Protein backbone atom coordinates (compact mmCIF):
# COMPACT_ATOMS: atom_id res chain seq x y z
CA MET A 1 0.04 0.31 -0.14
CA CYS A 2 2.77 2.32 0.96
CA VAL A 3 4.16 1.91 -2.82
CA VAL A 4 1.12 3.03 -4.03
CA LEU A 5 0.78 5.92 -1.89
CA VAL A 6 4.44 7.07 -2.58
CA VAL A 7 3.72 6.75 -6.51
CA LYS A 8 0.46 8.81 -6.07
CA PHE A 9 2.18 11.60 -3.97
CA PHE A 10 5.07 12.01 -6.50
CA VAL A 11 2.72 12.16 -9.58
CA VAL A 12 0.66 14.78 -7.95
CA ALA A 13 3.79 16.53 -6.89
CA PHE A 14 5.19 16.81 -10.51
CA TRP A 15 1.83 17.81 -11.55
CA MET A 16 1.31 20.57 -9.07
CA GLN A 17 5.01 21.71 -9.94
CA ASP A 18 3.97 21.98 -13.64
CA GLN A 19 0.98 23.94 -12.78
CA MET A 20 3.21 26.53 -10.75
CA TYR A 21 1.87 25.34 -7.31
CA GLN A 22 5.42 24.96 -5.62
CA ARG A 23 4.17 25.03 -1.84
CA ALA A 24 1.54 22.11 -2.52
CA ALA A 25 4.22 20.31 -4.59
CA ARG A 26 6.81 20.30 -1.98
CA LEU A 27 3.91 19.22 0.55
CA ASN A 28 3.20 16.29 -1.45
CA LEU A 29 6.94 15.41 -1.89
CA VAL A 30 7.50 15.43 1.79
CA ALA A 31 4.27 13.26 2.16
CA GLY A 32 5.86 10.65 -0.25
CA LEU A 33 9.05 10.70 1.72
CA LEU A 34 6.97 10.26 4.92
CA CYS A 35 5.37 7.32 3.46
CA VAL A 36 8.69 5.79 2.48
CA ALA A 37 9.78 6.13 6.17
CA GLY A 38 6.63 4.43 7.34
CA ALA A 39 7.40 1.65 5.09
CA GLY A 40 10.71 1.36 6.60
CA ALA A 41 9.21 1.42 10.17
CA ALA A 42 6.56 -1.25 9.06
CA LEU A 43 9.39 -3.47 7.94
CA ALA A 44 11.23 -2.97 11.10
CA ARG A 45 8.09 -4.22 12.72
CA LEU A 46 6.94 -1.20 14.10
CA ASP A 47 3.61 -1.38 12.45
CA SER A 48 2.08 1.15 14.82
CA VAL A 49 4.41 3.89 13.73
CA GLY A 50 4.24 3.10 10.22
CA LEU A 51 0.61 3.38 10.17
CA ALA A 52 0.71 6.72 12.15
CA VAL A 53 3.13 8.02 9.45
CA ALA A 54 0.92 6.78 6.58
CA VAL A 55 -1.91 8.82 7.83
CA LEU A 56 0.05 11.88 8.49
CA ALA A 57 1.19 11.64 5.08
CA VAL A 58 -2.48 11.35 3.64
CA VAL A 59 -3.49 14.22 5.59
CA MET A 60 -0.59 16.25 4.12
CA GLY A 61 -1.54 15.23 0.69
CA ILE A 62 -5.27 16.58 1.45
CA SER A 63 -3.72 19.67 2.95
CA SER A 64 -1.73 20.32 -0.49
CA PHE A 65 -5.24 20.30 -2.18
CA ARG A 66 -6.56 22.69 0.18
CA LEU A 67 -3.44 25.11 -0.40
CA VAL A 68 -4.26 25.05 -4.17
CA ARG A 69 -8.05 25.67 -3.46
CA VAL A 70 -7.55 28.64 -1.38
CA GLY A 71 -4.98 30.08 -3.68
CA ARG A 72 -1.65 29.73 -1.55
CA GLY A 73 -0.40 26.82 -3.42
């Protein structure tokens, strides 16, 4: 699941960067990197930490769309 989220965050980040939404793109890149860290934590048998990081990454991804919607992207 984390691989799908990482790909989603990176694709959306590069699309937002092409549309000149720099802040939102950076937020999606950070969310993707957090998802990679969460996958690493899950591989180290820290499942609750991995899940918490994945949830945080999804919230950051949602926040990036909010930045674009209100014009601060």
